[in-house]
Structure formats: structure tokens, C-alpha cells
Amino acid sequence: MDTLSLTVYAYTFRSRAERVIWLLEELHLPYSVQRLDRFKGETRSKEFLAINPAGKVPVLVHNGKAFTESLAIMEYLAAEFDGQRFIPQTPQANYQYRHALSYGSTELEAYLWLAEQSSRLNRRYHWPNGTHERALAMAEQNMGTVYAWLQQQPYVAGQAFTLADIYYYHLLSWFEQISGTLADVASSYLHKLEQRPSFPACVKNSDASK
């Protein structure tokens, strides 16, 4: 049997790579993390561009083959390593799961990233004045749908923990960081996720200060 080799390439700060790290913890898989300093140009090095020509993280290298895009990596890991319990299998439940992922990427993450680009990172992206406020307002408006889900069910995609919850932990935490606010139902949801046995190890292993 081949020796399992899993390496996650991540930034020196928290990013979408932490989604992948959390799932690896849920799957109880051995892995290593390579932290790259974006501000020192390490993601543009010849060595890293040979792994991912886009020069972005996360990248998962599994036995020499590179995989990119956090949500796609998570689904690959679930399929490859008996993690289908994190992806609902019945048609209706799977629809609810896919709907949550789609909603998060189009109605939340897109606006959160725009809000980030037009504030802290605006010296690089040069968005017009007012972009941050408009993007944040859209994210806040769309967050109402997520709050409604969490008032009706324990997890964003229904009654069971799925990959969508790893995704939404990042989205809700990101929204709270940018806006300074979060509904009580969402704060309780984040706290519940933090109680999962895998979560403390994930946070520890993704601490770039170590």
C-alpha cells in the first residue's frame, strides 16, 4: 500500500485554506501544512507556480497531484477518504446542501471579498469610494436568509453537520470581523461548531504564529 502524503499550502494568515485543514481533522487524516508568505512573494516563486500556476492557496497535494479551490478540494477529500457522511445523499437533502454552497458563494462570499478589497486592501485594488459600504450592505441583507435557516434547523443545510458548515463558519466569522455584528442565532451556531472535537486541533494546526 502506498504511503499517504497530504500537504496543504496555505498563507501565513488565516484564509480559505483553513476550510481544508478543518476537514482533514474531521477525517482524521495525517497531513502537513506549508505556510507561504504572500507579502514576500513566496506564492509567486518558481517552485510554487510549478504546483499552482495561478499562484494562490489553498492547494492540496495528494501523493504528488495538486488540487485547488477550497470547496472542490473538500469534496474531493470527502469522496476519496470515506467522508460522504459530510455530503447528504438523498436528492432533497443534497439539494439543500448544494443550495447552501451556491448561496454562500454568490450572495455572501462575493460581497465579503469585495468589501475586503475596497477597505483593507484598497491600496491594491482601487475600488471607487462607497464600494465597501455597498458591498457590506448587500452581505448584511443576504445574511438574513442564513439567520432564517439557523432559526429553523441546527445546521445551514439541515439536521446534520456537512461540508457546508465548515464553509459557513468561515463566511460568518468573516462577516463578523468586517461588520462587527452578528445575530445571536449565528453566534450560537459558531459556538456549537467550535465544540466539535476536530475544531480545536484545526485551530491549533492553522495557527500561523507557530
Protein backbone atom coordinates (compact mmCIF):
# COMPACT_ATOMS: atom_id res chain seq x y z
CA MET A 1 0.00 0.00 0.00
CA ASP A 2 1.36 3.43 -0.94
CA THR A 3 2.28 5.79 1.88
CA LEU A 4 -0.31 8.54 2.21
CA SER A 5 1.08 12.02 1.60
CA LEU A 6 -1.16 15.07 2.07
CA THR A 7 0.23 18.60 2.10
CA VAL A 8 -1.81 21.79 2.34
CA TYR A 9 -0.30 25.02 1.06
CA ALA A 10 -1.69 27.98 2.98
CA TYR A 11 -0.91 31.61 3.69
CA THR A 12 0.79 32.75 6.87
CA PHE A 13 -2.55 34.29 7.84
CA ARG A 14 -5.98 32.70 8.05
CA SER A 15 -7.58 32.09 4.68
CA ARG A 16 -9.73 29.64 2.75
CA ALA A 17 -7.05 27.01 3.39
CA GLU A 18 -8.35 26.60 6.93
CA ARG A 19 -11.51 25.05 5.48
CA VAL A 20 -9.40 22.24 4.04
CA ILE A 21 -7.41 21.83 7.25
CA TRP A 22 -10.60 21.51 9.28
CA LEU A 23 -11.93 18.75 7.02
CA LEU A 24 -8.64 16.87 7.24
CA GLU A 25 -9.09 16.95 11.00
CA GLU A 26 -12.67 15.67 10.68
CA LEU A 27 -11.40 12.80 8.53
CA HIS A 28 -8.56 12.04 10.99
CA LEU A 29 -6.00 12.10 8.20
CA PRO A 30 -2.29 12.81 8.66
CA TYR A 31 -1.15 15.90 6.79
CA SER A 32 1.40 18.68 6.76
CA VAL A 33 0.96 22.41 6.19
CA GLN A 34 3.32 24.60 4.19
CA ARG A 35 2.81 28.27 5.09
CA LEU A 36 3.67 30.77 2.35
CA ASP A 37 4.26 34.47 2.93
CA ARG A 38 2.33 36.21 0.19
CA PHE A 39 3.89 39.57 1.01
CA LYS A 40 7.37 38.19 0.47
CA GLY A 41 6.38 36.81 -2.92
CA GLU A 42 6.50 33.17 -1.88
CA THR A 43 3.30 32.35 -3.80
CA ARG A 44 4.95 33.71 -6.96
CA SER A 45 8.10 31.63 -6.61
CA LYS A 46 9.08 29.30 -9.43
CA GLU A 47 8.66 26.32 -7.13
CA PHE A 48 5.11 27.19 -6.07
CA LEU A 49 3.97 28.25 -9.54
CA ALA A 50 5.01 24.80 -10.73
CA ILE A 51 2.44 23.43 -8.25
CA ASN A 52 -0.28 26.02 -8.94
CA PRO A 53 0.29 28.36 -11.90
CA ALA A 54 -2.41 30.67 -10.50
CA GLY A 55 -0.15 31.42 -7.55
CA LYS A 56 -2.94 31.09 -4.99
CA VAL A 57 -3.78 28.98 -1.97
CA PRO A 58 -5.18 26.68 -0.86
CA VAL A 59 -3.51 23.88 -2.71
CA LEU A 60 -3.72 20.28 -1.59
CA VAL A 61 -1.02 17.96 -2.85
CA HIS A 62 -2.10 14.35 -2.52
CA ASN A 63 0.59 11.83 -3.39
CA GLY A 64 2.16 14.27 -5.84
CA LYS A 65 -1.02 15.54 -7.52
CA ALA A 66 -2.18 19.12 -6.89
CA PHE A 67 -5.79 20.12 -6.21
CA THR A 68 -7.03 23.72 -5.97
CA GLU A 69 -10.14 25.69 -4.89
CA SER A 70 -11.20 25.07 -1.30
CA LEU A 71 -14.73 23.77 -1.88
CA ALA A 72 -13.61 21.45 -4.69
CA ILE A 73 -10.75 20.17 -2.51
CA MET A 74 -13.17 19.46 0.33
CA GLU A 75 -15.49 17.47 -1.91
CA TYR A 76 -12.53 15.55 -3.33
CA LEU A 77 -11.34 14.64 0.16
CA ALA A 78 -14.82 13.55 1.21
CA ALA A 79 -15.12 11.31 -1.86
CA GLU A 80 -11.60 9.91 -1.63
CA PHE A 81 -11.44 9.24 2.11
CA ASP A 82 -14.86 7.96 3.13
CA GLY A 83 -16.21 11.36 4.05
CA GLN A 84 -19.52 11.05 2.24
CA ARG A 85 -21.25 11.39 5.60
CA PHE A 86 -20.47 15.09 5.25
CA ILE A 87 -22.35 15.30 1.93
CA PRO A 88 -26.10 14.48 2.07
CA GLN A 89 -27.01 11.65 -0.29
CA THR A 90 -30.79 11.81 -0.68
CA PRO A 91 -31.95 14.08 -3.52
CA GLN A 92 -33.78 16.60 -1.33
CA ALA A 93 -31.07 16.79 1.32
CA ASN A 94 -28.37 17.03 -1.34
CA TYR A 95 -30.27 19.87 -3.00
CA GLN A 96 -30.43 21.74 0.31
CA TYR A 97 -26.69 21.22 0.76
CA ARG A 98 -25.87 22.36 -2.80
CA HIS A 99 -28.20 25.32 -2.44
CA ALA A 100 -26.37 26.44 0.71
CA LEU A 101 -22.99 26.21 -1.04
CA SER A 102 -24.27 28.12 -4.06
CA TYR A 103 -25.91 30.80 -1.93
CA GLY A 104 -22.76 31.25 0.11
CA SER A 105 -20.51 31.69 -2.90
CA THR A 106 -22.77 34.05 -4.87
CA GLU A 107 -24.66 36.00 -2.21
CA LEU A 108 -22.16 36.18 0.65
CA GLU A 109 -18.56 35.42 -0.22
CA ALA A 110 -18.56 37.58 -3.34
CA TYR A 111 -19.69 40.62 -1.35
CA LEU A 112 -17.41 39.89 1.60
CA TRP A 113 -14.42 39.68 -0.71
CA LEU A 114 -15.44 42.93 -2.40
CA ALA A 115 -15.84 44.59 1.00
CA GLU A 116 -12.36 43.37 1.94
CA GLN A 117 -10.84 44.56 -1.34
CA SER A 118 -12.41 48.00 -1.03
CA SER A 119 -11.26 48.65 2.55
CA ARG A 120 -8.18 46.97 3.98
CA LEU A 121 -6.83 46.05 0.53
CA ASN A 122 -8.00 49.12 -1.38
CA ARG A 123 -4.48 50.41 -1.99
CA ARG A 124 -4.05 47.39 -4.22
CA TYR A 125 -7.49 47.16 -5.86
CA HIS A 126 -8.52 50.86 -6.10
CA TRP A 127 -12.30 50.46 -5.89
CA PRO A 128 -14.43 53.66 -6.10
CA ASN A 129 -15.49 55.40 -2.91
CA GLY A 130 -18.55 53.81 -1.36
CA THR A 131 -17.84 50.31 -2.68
CA HIS A 132 -17.10 48.94 0.78
CA GLU A 133 -20.34 50.27 2.24
CA ARG A 134 -22.46 48.94 -0.63
CA ALA A 135 -20.81 45.51 -0.60
CA LEU A 136 -21.20 45.21 3.16
CA ALA A 137 -24.85 46.28 2.96
CA MET A 138 -25.53 43.54 0.40
CA ALA A 139 -23.78 40.94 2.53
CA GLU A 140 -25.77 42.03 5.57
CA GLN A 141 -29.04 41.89 3.64
CA ASN A 142 -28.29 38.41 2.32
CA MET A 143 -27.18 37.23 5.74
CA GLY A 144 -30.82 37.45 6.78
CA THR A 145 -31.53 34.30 4.77
CA VAL A 146 -28.85 32.42 6.69
CA TYR A 147 -30.24 33.62 10.00
CA ALA A 148 -33.65 32.30 8.95
CA TRP A 149 -32.16 28.89 8.15
CA LEU A 150 -30.48 28.70 11.54
CA GLN A 151 -33.71 29.58 13.33
CA GLN A 152 -35.37 26.57 11.70
CA GLN A 153 -32.60 23.95 11.77
CA PRO A 154 -29.36 23.23 13.67
CA TYR A 155 -27.08 23.41 10.62
CA VAL A 156 -27.12 25.51 7.47
CA ALA A 157 -28.04 22.57 5.23
CA GLY A 158 -30.44 20.78 7.55
CA GLN A 159 -30.28 18.48 10.55
CA ALA A 160 -26.72 17.19 10.19
CA PHE A 161 -23.22 18.66 10.02
CA THR A 162 -21.93 18.86 6.43
CA LEU A 163 -19.11 20.43 4.47
CA ALA A 164 -21.37 23.45 4.14
CA ASP A 165 -20.94 24.15 7.85
CA ILE A 166 -17.17 24.34 7.52
CA TYR A 167 -17.74 26.80 4.69
CA TYR A 168 -20.27 28.88 6.60
CA TYR A 169 -18.13 29.02 9.71
CA HIS A 170 -15.59 30.89 7.62
CA LEU A 171 -18.23 33.12 5.99
CA LEU A 172 -19.97 34.08 9.23
CA SER A 173 -16.69 34.70 11.04
CA TRP A 174 -15.52 36.82 8.13
CA PHE A 175 -18.75 38.83 8.13
CA GLU A 176 -18.48 39.42 11.87
CA GLN A 177 -14.87 40.54 11.51
CA ILE A 178 -15.72 43.05 8.79
CA SER A 179 -19.06 44.33 10.09
CA GLY A 180 -18.55 43.98 13.83
CA THR A 181 -22.02 42.46 14.19
CA LEU A 182 -23.63 39.03 14.06
CA ALA A 183 -27.11 37.86 15.04
CA ASP A 184 -27.37 35.82 18.23
CA VAL A 185 -28.58 32.76 16.34
CA ALA A 186 -25.44 32.86 14.20
CA SER A 187 -23.14 33.42 17.18
CA SER A 188 -24.67 30.37 18.88
CA TYR A 189 -24.16 28.38 15.69
CA LEU A 190 -20.48 29.31 15.54
CA HIS A 191 -20.06 28.38 19.19
CA LYS A 192 -21.66 24.99 18.54
CA LEU A 193 -19.25 24.31 15.67
CA GLU A 194 -16.32 25.25 17.87
CA GLN A 195 -17.32 22.46 20.26
CA ARG A 196 -16.71 19.76 17.67
CA PRO A 197 -13.78 17.53 18.68
CA SER A 198 -11.98 18.32 15.43
CA PHE A 199 -12.23 22.08 15.80
CA PRO A 200 -9.60 22.81 18.47
CA ALA A 201 -6.98 20.76 16.64
CA CYS A 202 -7.84 22.55 13.42
CA VAL A 203 -7.42 25.95 15.00
CA LYS A 204 -4.15 24.92 16.61
CA ASN A 205 -2.73 23.49 13.40
CA SER A 206 -3.75 26.53 11.39
CA ASP A 207 -2.15 29.00 13.80
CA ALA A 208 0.43 30.71 11.62
CA SER A 209 2.25 32.10 14.64
CA LYS A 210 3.64 28.64 15.40
